[in-house]
């Protein structure tokens, strides 16, 4: 390879874009990030404008998802899918696309992708995109998770969902609140919301509650609700205005 791959990062989560950008900067001889995009519409504009050699493409995004973006391109660059779905069926991504990276992307896994880049010369076809879309939909239909895997220092903990009181977004991580302690989880709330069973409810952009730990619900100002939790501190968590209609339906059901 004579020069770095002109690369565009496409992901609807700012934290994920920033994290991957920082990671790619560690390999300046391989990647040159020329721009980023936060949704499918923006992705189309950036790809058509820059004609990059390579794109890092999130799958689930507002407006257009990753597959819909690719379907609208006349010329498809090399594609590395970035996904939060760790399912066996996603092995198809490795055979039909360049590679897929599980979020959060880790340096050692990216190094394997770099090794594969040396041997890849063909792009995705429209038929391949449809096959990948089918595999992704199959993966989405898996059963909801029952526990979380938390990495803390040099050990891994498994926390049962039934022990989690609520999730709270915090900077680049998610705080997982249990009776015992608070844990840091390195996925996003958007990812968690898609994986959690029905006894969890999102009440604002930065909060997901376990319904089993809600002690009381009160009306709050500006068309919001205040949730009092059954924890050691009787924590009060307030909903966001944009979630009012959804919460109204749930509370009346």
C-alpha atoms as a PDB file:
ATOM      1  CA  UNK A   1       0.000   0.000   0.000  1.00  0.00           C
ATOM      2  CA  UNK A   2       1.604   3.232  -1.146  1.00  0.00           C
ATOM      3  CA  UNK A   3      -0.627   5.681   0.731  1.00  0.00           C
ATOM      4  CA  UNK A   4      -3.235   5.609   3.526  1.00  0.00           C
ATOM      5  CA  UNK A   5      -6.834   4.709   2.779  1.00  0.00           C
ATOM      6  CA  UNK A   6      -8.930   7.876   2.500  1.00  0.00           C
ATOM      7  CA  UNK A   7     -11.585   6.983   5.077  1.00  0.00           C
ATOM      8  CA  UNK A   8     -14.988   8.245   6.206  1.00  0.00           C
ATOM      9  CA  UNK A   9     -16.498   7.191   9.544  1.00  0.00           C
ATOM     10  CA  UNK A  10     -20.298   6.859   9.525  1.00  0.00           C
ATOM     11  CA  UNK A  11     -22.080   6.417  12.866  1.00  0.00           C
ATOM     12  CA  UNK A  12     -25.033   8.155  14.506  1.00  0.00           C
ATOM     13  CA  UNK A  13     -23.372   8.173  17.937  1.00  0.00           C
ATOM     14  CA  UNK A  14     -20.834  11.016  18.417  1.00  0.00           C
ATOM     15  CA  UNK A  15     -18.974   9.047  21.070  1.00  0.00           C
ATOM     16  CA  UNK A  16     -18.502   6.106  18.714  1.00  0.00           C
ATOM     17  CA  UNK A  17     -17.229   8.410  15.937  1.00  0.00           C
ATOM     18  CA  UNK A  18     -14.771  10.116  18.278  1.00  0.00           C
ATOM     19  CA  UNK A  19     -13.523   6.837  19.726  1.00  0.00           C
ATOM     20  CA  UNK A  20     -12.919   5.274  16.312  1.00  0.00           C
ATOM     21  CA  UNK A  21     -11.282   8.446  14.983  1.00  0.00           C
ATOM     22  CA  UNK A  22      -8.804   8.420  17.872  1.00  0.00           C
ATOM     23  CA  UNK A  23      -8.078   4.752  17.286  1.00  0.00           C
ATOM     24  CA  UNK A  24      -7.448   5.213  13.560  1.00  0.00           C
ATOM     25  CA  UNK A  25      -5.029   8.050  14.318  1.00  0.00           C
ATOM     26  CA  UNK A  26      -2.754   5.403  15.821  1.00  0.00           C
ATOM     27  CA  UNK A  27      -2.337   3.945  12.319  1.00  0.00           C
ATOM     28  CA  UNK A  28      -1.547   6.985  10.123  1.00  0.00           C
ATOM     29  CA  UNK A  29       0.238   4.840   7.553  1.00  0.00           C
ATOM     30  CA  UNK A  30      -2.992   2.856   6.974  1.00  0.00           C
ATOM     31  CA  UNK A  31      -5.908   5.282   7.480  1.00  0.00           C
ATOM     32  CA  UNK A  32      -6.512   8.957   6.850  1.00  0.00           C
ATOM     33  CA  UNK A  33      -9.883  10.073   8.227  1.00  0.00           C
ATOM     34  CA  UNK A  34     -11.103  12.757   5.818  1.00  0.00           C
ATOM     35  CA  UNK A  35     -14.572  13.227   7.342  1.00  0.00           C
ATOM     36  CA  UNK A  36     -17.347  11.737   9.452  1.00  0.00           C
ATOM     37  CA  UNK A  37     -21.128  11.474   9.085  1.00  0.00           C
ATOM     38  CA  UNK A  38     -23.832  11.156  11.735  1.00  0.00           C
ATOM     39  CA  UNK A  39     -26.680   9.644   9.708  1.00  0.00           C
ATOM     40  CA  UNK A  40     -27.461   7.917   6.428  1.00  0.00           C
ATOM     41  CA  UNK A  41     -28.394  11.048   4.488  1.00  0.00           C
ATOM     42  CA  UNK A  42     -25.203  12.806   5.517  1.00  0.00           C
ATOM     43  CA  UNK A  43     -23.243   9.653   4.709  1.00  0.00           C
ATOM     44  CA  UNK A  44     -24.470   9.654   1.101  1.00  0.00           C
ATOM     45  CA  UNK A  45     -23.450  13.285   0.684  1.00  0.00           C
ATOM     46  CA  UNK A  46     -19.966  12.719   2.125  1.00  0.00           C
ATOM     47  CA  UNK A  47     -19.311   9.560   0.103  1.00  0.00           C
ATOM     48  CA  UNK A  48     -20.429  11.184  -3.137  1.00  0.00           C
ATOM     49  CA  UNK A  49     -18.369  14.287  -2.366  1.00  0.00           C
ATOM     50  CA  UNK A  50     -15.091  12.647  -1.345  1.00  0.00           C
ATOM     51  CA  UNK A  51     -15.241   9.254  -3.106  1.00  0.00           C
ATOM     52  CA  UNK A  52     -13.315   7.645  -0.216  1.00  0.00           C
ATOM     53  CA  UNK A  53     -11.309   4.447  -0.542  1.00  0.00           C
ATOM     54  CA  UNK A  54     -12.836   3.021   2.602  1.00  0.00           C
ATOM     55  CA  UNK A  55     -15.820   3.628   4.902  1.00  0.00           C
ATOM     56  CA  UNK A  56     -16.459   2.518   8.463  1.00  0.00           C
ATOM     57  CA  UNK A  57     -20.220   2.045   8.398  1.00  0.00           C
ATOM     58  CA  UNK A  58     -22.670   1.747  11.278  1.00  0.00           C
ATOM     59  CA  UNK A  59     -25.716  -0.336  10.400  1.00  0.00           C
ATOM     60  CA  UNK A  60     -28.569   1.086  12.462  1.00  0.00           C
ATOM     61  CA  UNK A  61     -28.919   4.842  11.872  1.00  0.00           C
ATOM     62  CA  UNK A  62     -31.801   7.308  11.562  1.00  0.00           C
ATOM     63  CA  UNK A  63     -32.990   8.265   8.090  1.00  0.00           C
ATOM     64  CA  UNK A  64     -31.182   5.573   6.156  1.00  0.00           C
ATOM     65  CA  UNK A  65     -29.534   2.522   7.677  1.00  0.00           C
ATOM     66  CA  UNK A  66     -26.154   1.292   6.499  1.00  0.00           C
ATOM     67  CA  UNK A  67     -27.564  -1.105   3.917  1.00  0.00           C
ATOM     68  CA  UNK A  68     -29.850   1.556   2.446  1.00  0.00           C
ATOM     69  CA  UNK A  69     -26.853   3.875   2.104  1.00  0.00           C
ATOM     70  CA  UNK A  70     -24.937   1.248   0.130  1.00  0.00           C
ATOM     71  CA  UNK A  71     -27.910   0.465  -2.098  1.00  0.00           C
ATOM     72  CA  UNK A  72     -27.981   4.072  -3.310  1.00  0.00           C
ATOM     73  CA  UNK A  73     -24.312   4.212  -4.268  1.00  0.00           C
ATOM     74  CA  UNK A  74     -23.206   3.662  -7.855  1.00  0.00           C
ATOM     75  CA  UNK A  75     -19.678   2.836  -6.752  1.00  0.00           C
ATOM     76  CA  UNK A  76     -19.271   1.181  -3.364  1.00  0.00           C
ATOM     77  CA  UNK A  77     -15.940   1.713  -1.567  1.00  0.00           C
ATOM     78  CA  UNK A  78     -14.335  -0.842   0.686  1.00  0.00           C
ATOM     79  CA  UNK A  79     -16.668  -1.319   3.650  1.00  0.00           C
ATOM     80  CA  UNK A  80     -15.906  -2.162   7.257  1.00  0.00           C
ATOM     81  CA  UNK A  81     -19.182  -2.552   9.120  1.00  0.00           C
ATOM     82  CA  UNK A  82     -19.313  -1.365  12.719  1.00  0.00           C
ATOM     83  CA  UNK A  83     -22.025  -3.047  14.743  1.00  0.00           C
ATOM     84  CA  UNK A  84     -22.992  -3.769  18.334  1.00  0.00           C
ATOM     85  CA  UNK A  85     -24.496  -7.161  17.416  1.00  0.00           C
ATOM     86  CA  UNK A  86     -22.226  -9.995  18.538  1.00  0.00           C
ATOM     87  CA  UNK A  87     -24.124 -12.838  16.882  1.00  0.00           C
ATOM     88  CA  UNK A  88     -22.821 -15.943  15.142  1.00  0.00           C
ATOM     89  CA  UNK A  89     -24.870 -15.198  12.011  1.00  0.00           C
ATOM     90  CA  UNK A  90     -22.852 -12.019  11.422  1.00  0.00           C
ATOM     91  CA  UNK A  91     -20.006 -14.211  10.211  1.00  0.00           C
ATOM     92  CA  UNK A  92     -21.438 -13.508   6.754  1.00  0.00           C
ATOM     93  CA  UNK A  93     -20.059  -9.998   7.069  1.00  0.00           C
ATOM     94  CA  UNK A  94     -16.525 -11.384   6.995  1.00  0.00           C
ATOM     95  CA  UNK A  95     -17.090 -13.263   3.741  1.00  0.00           C
ATOM     96  CA  UNK A  96     -19.262 -10.784   1.833  1.00  0.00           C
ATOM     97  CA  UNK A  97     -17.702  -7.514   3.016  1.00  0.00           C
ATOM     98  CA  UNK A  98     -14.191  -6.602   4.020  1.00  0.00           C
ATOM     99  CA  UNK A  99     -14.837  -7.068   7.714  1.00  0.00           C
ATOM    100  CA  UNK A 100     -17.061  -6.153  10.621  1.00  0.00           C
ATOM    101  CA  UNK A 101     -16.003  -4.642  13.932  1.00  0.00           C
ATOM    102  CA  UNK A 102     -17.973  -4.997  17.136  1.00  0.00           C
ATOM    103  CA  UNK A 103     -18.501  -1.775  19.055  1.00  0.00           C
ATOM    104  CA  UNK A 104     -16.723  -0.530  21.022  1.00  0.00           C
ATOM    105  CA  UNK A 105     -13.905  -1.160  18.560  1.00  0.00           C
ATOM    106  CA  UNK A 106     -10.720  -2.405  20.195  1.00  0.00           C
ATOM    107  CA  UNK A 107      -7.178  -1.860  18.950  1.00  0.00           C
ATOM    108  CA  UNK A 108      -6.229  -5.529  18.780  1.00  0.00           C
ATOM    109  CA  UNK A 109      -9.314  -6.307  16.651  1.00  0.00           C
ATOM    110  CA  UNK A 110      -8.592  -3.378  14.320  1.00  0.00           C
ATOM    111  CA  UNK A 111      -5.086  -4.729  13.788  1.00  0.00           C
ATOM    112  CA  UNK A 112      -6.630  -7.940  12.394  1.00  0.00           C
ATOM    113  CA  UNK A 113      -8.674  -5.823   9.981  1.00  0.00           C
ATOM    114  CA  UNK A 114      -5.514  -4.070   8.840  1.00  0.00           C
ATOM    115  CA  UNK A 115      -3.964  -7.457   8.051  1.00  0.00           C
ATOM    116  CA  UNK A 116      -7.004  -8.353   5.948  1.00  0.00           C
ATOM    117  CA  UNK A 117      -6.755  -5.100   4.007  1.00  0.00           C
ATOM    118  CA  UNK A 118      -3.565  -6.343   2.365  1.00  0.00           C
ATOM    119  CA  UNK A 119      -5.482  -9.122   0.618  1.00  0.00           C
ATOM    120  CA  UNK A 120      -8.765  -7.422  -0.326  1.00  0.00           C
ATOM    121  CA  UNK A 121      -9.397  -5.916  -3.732  1.00  0.00           C
ATOM    122  CA  UNK A 122     -13.092  -6.399  -4.514  1.00  0.00           C
ATOM    123  CA  UNK A 123     -16.101  -4.314  -3.549  1.00  0.00           C
ATOM    124  CA  UNK A 124     -19.584  -5.259  -2.405  1.00  0.00           C
ATOM    125  CA  UNK A 125     -22.228  -6.094  -4.986  1.00  0.00           C
ATOM    126  CA  UNK A 126     -25.908  -5.212  -4.616  1.00  0.00           C
ATOM    127  CA  UNK A 127     -26.677  -8.919  -4.158  1.00  0.00           C
ATOM    128  CA  UNK A 128     -24.160  -9.090  -1.303  1.00  0.00           C
ATOM    129  CA  UNK A 129     -25.813  -6.127   0.395  1.00  0.00           C
ATOM    130  CA  UNK A 130     -29.183  -7.907   0.368  1.00  0.00           C
ATOM    131  CA  UNK A 131     -27.593 -11.042   1.808  1.00  0.00           C
ATOM    132  CA  UNK A 132     -25.984  -9.046   4.602  1.00  0.00           C
ATOM    133  CA  UNK A 133     -29.268  -7.267   5.320  1.00  0.00           C
ATOM    134  CA  UNK A 134     -31.005 -10.645   5.689  1.00  0.00           C
ATOM    135  CA  UNK A 135     -28.291 -11.880   8.056  1.00  0.00           C
ATOM    136  CA  UNK A 136     -28.549  -8.724  10.138  1.00  0.00           C
ATOM    137  CA  UNK A 137     -32.335  -9.046  10.440  1.00  0.00           C
ATOM    138  CA  UNK A 138     -31.869 -12.640  11.543  1.00  0.00           C
ATOM    139  CA  UNK A 139     -29.448 -11.513  14.252  1.00  0.00           C
ATOM    140  CA  UNK A 140     -31.875  -8.828  15.465  1.00  0.00           C
ATOM    141  CA  UNK A 141     -34.525 -11.473  16.163  1.00  0.00           C
ATOM    142  CA  UNK A 142     -32.434 -13.190  18.841  1.00  0.00           C
ATOM    143  CA  UNK A 143     -33.886 -13.485  22.345  1.00  0.00           C
ATOM    144  CA  UNK A 144     -33.385 -10.496  24.693  1.00  0.00           C
ATOM    145  CA  UNK A 145     -30.331 -10.614  26.888  1.00  0.00           C
ATOM    146  CA  UNK A 146     -30.635 -11.746  30.535  1.00  0.00           C
ATOM    147  CA  UNK A 147     -27.326 -10.408  31.881  1.00  0.00           C
ATOM    148  CA  UNK A 148     -24.572  -7.901  31.143  1.00  0.00           C
ATOM    149  CA  UNK A 149     -20.866  -8.564  30.804  1.00  0.00           C
ATOM    150  CA  UNK A 150     -18.918  -5.845  32.622  1.00  0.00           C
ATOM    151  CA  UNK A 151     -15.147  -5.525  32.229  1.00  0.00           C
ATOM    152  CA  UNK A 152     -13.511  -4.032  35.323  1.00  0.00           C
ATOM    153  CA  UNK A 153      -9.700  -3.856  35.381  1.00  0.00           C
ATOM    154  CA  UNK A 154      -8.445  -7.412  34.831  1.00  0.00           C
ATOM    155  CA  UNK A 155     -11.703  -9.227  35.536  1.00  0.00           C
ATOM    156  CA  UNK A 156     -15.095  -9.754  33.958  1.00  0.00           C
ATOM    157  CA  UNK A 157     -18.355  -9.590  35.907  1.00  0.00           C
ATOM    158  CA  UNK A 158     -21.734 -10.938  34.894  1.00  0.00           C
ATOM    159  CA  UNK A 159     -24.613  -8.848  36.238  1.00  0.00           C
ATOM    160  CA  UNK A 160     -28.145 -10.169  36.015  1.00  0.00           C
ATOM    161  CA  UNK A 161     -30.665  -7.740  34.534  1.00  0.00           C
ATOM    162  CA  UNK A 162     -33.006  -8.438  37.427  1.00  0.00           C
ATOM    163  CA  UNK A 163     -30.430  -6.845  39.751  1.00  0.00           C
ATOM    164  CA  UNK A 164     -30.144  -3.622  37.747  1.00  0.00           C
ATOM    165  CA  UNK A 165     -32.220  -0.668  38.978  1.00  0.00           C
ATOM    166  CA  UNK A 166     -31.478   1.760  36.155  1.00  0.00           C
ATOM    167  CA  UNK A 167     -29.019   2.738  33.427  1.00  0.00           C
ATOM    168  CA  UNK A 168     -27.686   6.277  33.237  1.00  0.00           C
ATOM    169  CA  UNK A 169     -25.675   7.769  30.383  1.00  0.00           C
ATOM    170  CA  UNK A 170     -22.442   9.376  31.601  1.00  0.00           C
ATOM    171  CA  UNK A 171     -19.939  10.977  29.244  1.00  0.00           C
ATOM    172  CA  UNK A 172     -18.504   8.151  27.120  1.00  0.00           C
ATOM    173  CA  UNK A 173     -19.993   5.314  29.152  1.00  0.00           C
ATOM    174  CA  UNK A 174     -23.181   4.064  30.792  1.00  0.00           C
ATOM    175  CA  UNK A 175     -23.513   3.835  34.569  1.00  0.00           C
ATOM    176  CA  UNK A 176     -25.217   0.603  35.598  1.00  0.00           C
ATOM    177  CA  UNK A 177     -26.871   1.109  39.001  1.00  0.00           C
ATOM    178  CA  UNK A 178     -27.495  -1.870  41.264  1.00  0.00           C
ATOM    179  CA  UNK A 179     -28.113  -2.057  45.022  1.00  0.00           C
ATOM    180  CA  UNK A 180     -24.517  -3.126  45.581  1.00  0.00           C
ATOM    181  CA  UNK A 181     -22.620  -0.543  43.508  1.00  0.00           C
ATOM    182  CA  UNK A 182     -22.366   1.435  40.299  1.00  0.00           C
ATOM    183  CA  UNK A 183     -20.639  -0.172  37.309  1.00  0.00           C
ATOM    184  CA  UNK A 184     -19.287   1.342  34.096  1.00  0.00           C
ATOM    185  CA  UNK A 185     -20.468  -0.230  30.839  1.00  0.00           C
ATOM    186  CA  UNK A 186     -18.818   0.629  27.522  1.00  0.00           C
ATOM    187  CA  UNK A 187     -21.828   0.425  25.221  1.00  0.00           C
ATOM    188  CA  UNK A 188     -24.395   3.114  24.497  1.00  0.00           C
ATOM    189  CA  UNK A 189     -27.945   3.455  25.817  1.00  0.00           C
ATOM    190  CA  UNK A 190     -29.192   3.099  22.241  1.00  0.00           C
ATOM    191  CA  UNK A 191     -27.539  -0.310  22.033  1.00  0.00           C
ATOM    192  CA  UNK A 192     -28.940  -1.355  25.411  1.00  0.00           C
ATOM    193  CA  UNK A 193     -32.465  -0.230  24.573  1.00  0.00           C
ATOM    194  CA  UNK A 194     -32.523  -2.588  21.575  1.00  0.00           C
ATOM    195  CA  UNK A 195     -31.310  -5.527  23.655  1.00  0.00           C
ATOM    196  CA  UNK A 196     -33.273  -5.145  26.886  1.00  0.00           C
ATOM    197  CA  UNK A 197     -36.538  -7.002  27.641  1.00  0.00           C
ATOM    198  CA  UNK A 198     -39.897  -5.266  28.034  1.00  0.00           C
ATOM    199  CA  UNK A 199     -39.572  -4.608  31.781  1.00  0.00           C
ATOM    200  CA  UNK A 200     -37.112  -1.793  31.005  1.00  0.00           C
ATOM    201  CA  UNK A 201     -38.391   1.608  29.910  1.00  0.00           C
ATOM    202  CA  UNK A 202     -36.532   4.645  28.610  1.00  0.00           C
ATOM    203  CA  UNK A 203     -37.790   7.823  30.266  1.00  0.00           C
ATOM    204  CA  UNK A 204     -35.344  10.297  28.754  1.00  0.00           C
ATOM    205  CA  UNK A 205     -32.344  10.373  26.465  1.00  0.00           C
ATOM    206  CA  UNK A 206     -29.967   9.480  29.284  1.00  0.00           C
ATOM    207  CA  UNK A 207     -32.058   7.115  31.463  1.00  0.00           C
ATOM    208  CA  UNK A 208     -33.503   3.607  31.195  1.00  0.00           C
ATOM    209  CA  UNK A 209     -35.346   2.235  34.240  1.00  0.00           C
ATOM    210  CA  UNK A 210     -36.172  -1.252  35.402  1.00  0.00           C
ATOM    211  CA  UNK A 211     -39.952  -1.133  35.893  1.00  0.00           C
ATOM    212  CA  UNK A 212     -39.683  -3.664  38.742  1.00  0.00           C
ATOM    213  CA  UNK A 213     -37.826  -1.073  40.849  1.00  0.00           C
ATOM    214  CA  UNK A 214     -40.231   1.837  40.347  1.00  0.00           C
ATOM    215  CA  UNK A 215     -41.891   2.636  43.680  1.00  0.00           C
ATOM    216  CA  UNK A 216     -43.977   5.700  42.708  1.00  0.00           C
ATOM    217  CA  UNK A 217     -44.677   7.893  39.707  1.00  0.00           C
ATOM    218  CA  UNK A 218     -45.715  11.548  40.066  1.00  0.00           C
ATOM    219  CA  UNK A 219     -46.532  14.247  37.578  1.00  0.00           C
ATOM    220  CA  UNK A 220     -43.680  16.702  37.225  1.00  0.00           C
ATOM    221  CA  UNK A 221     -43.578  20.187  35.715  1.00  0.00           C
ATOM    222  CA  UNK A 222     -43.368  20.814  31.943  1.00  0.00           C
ATOM    223  CA  UNK A 223     -45.394  17.683  31.103  1.00  0.00           C
ATOM    224  CA  UNK A 224     -42.859  15.357  32.660  1.00  0.00           C
ATOM    225  CA  UNK A 225     -42.942  12.564  35.237  1.00  0.00           C
ATOM    226  CA  UNK A 226     -40.904  11.958  38.396  1.00  0.00           C
ATOM    227  CA  UNK A 227     -40.054   8.318  39.147  1.00  0.00           C
ATOM    228  CA  UNK A 228     -39.150   7.331  42.703  1.00  0.00           C
ATOM    229  CA  UNK A 229     -37.013   4.200  42.732  1.00  0.00           C
ATOM    230  CA  UNK A 230     -36.833   1.337  45.240  1.00  0.00           C
ATOM    231  CA  UNK A 231     -33.154   1.710  46.049  1.00  0.00           C
ATOM    232  CA  UNK A 232     -31.175   2.645  49.157  1.00  0.00           C
ATOM    233  CA  UNK A 233     -31.409   6.376  48.376  1.00  0.00           C
ATOM    234  CA  UNK A 234     -35.032   6.472  47.156  1.00  0.00           C
ATOM    235  CA  UNK A 235     -33.604   8.042  44.007  1.00  0.00           C
ATOM    236  CA  UNK A 236     -35.884  10.333  42.002  1.00  0.00           C
ATOM    237  CA  UNK A 237     -35.427  10.247  38.221  1.00  0.00           C
ATOM    238  CA  UNK A 238     -37.250  12.670  35.947  1.00  0.00           C
ATOM    239  CA  UNK A 239     -38.476  11.943  32.463  1.00  0.00           C
ATOM    240  CA  UNK A 240     -37.835  14.020  29.357  1.00  0.00           C
ATOM    241  CA  UNK A 241     -40.618  15.956  27.628  1.00  0.00           C
ATOM    242  CA  UNK A 242     -40.132  14.151  24.321  1.00  0.00           C
ATOM    243  CA  UNK A 243     -40.954  10.818  26.030  1.00  0.00           C
ATOM    244  CA  UNK A 244     -44.337  11.975  27.386  1.00  0.00           C
ATOM    245  CA  UNK A 245     -46.588  10.274  24.827  1.00  0.00           C
ATOM    246  CA  UNK A 246     -44.816   6.940  25.099  1.00  0.00           C
ATOM    247  CA  UNK A 247     -44.861   7.063  28.902  1.00  0.00           C
ATOM    248  CA  UNK A 248     -48.547   8.067  28.912  1.00  0.00           C
ATOM    249  CA  UNK A 249     -49.389   4.958  26.890  1.00  0.00           C
ATOM    250  CA  UNK A 250     -47.405   2.728  29.215  1.00  0.00           C
ATOM    251  CA  UNK A 251     -48.775   4.240  32.440  1.00  0.00           C
ATOM    252  CA  UNK A 252     -52.370   3.930  31.171  1.00  0.00           C
ATOM    253  CA  UNK A 253     -51.972   0.343  30.015  1.00  0.00           C
END
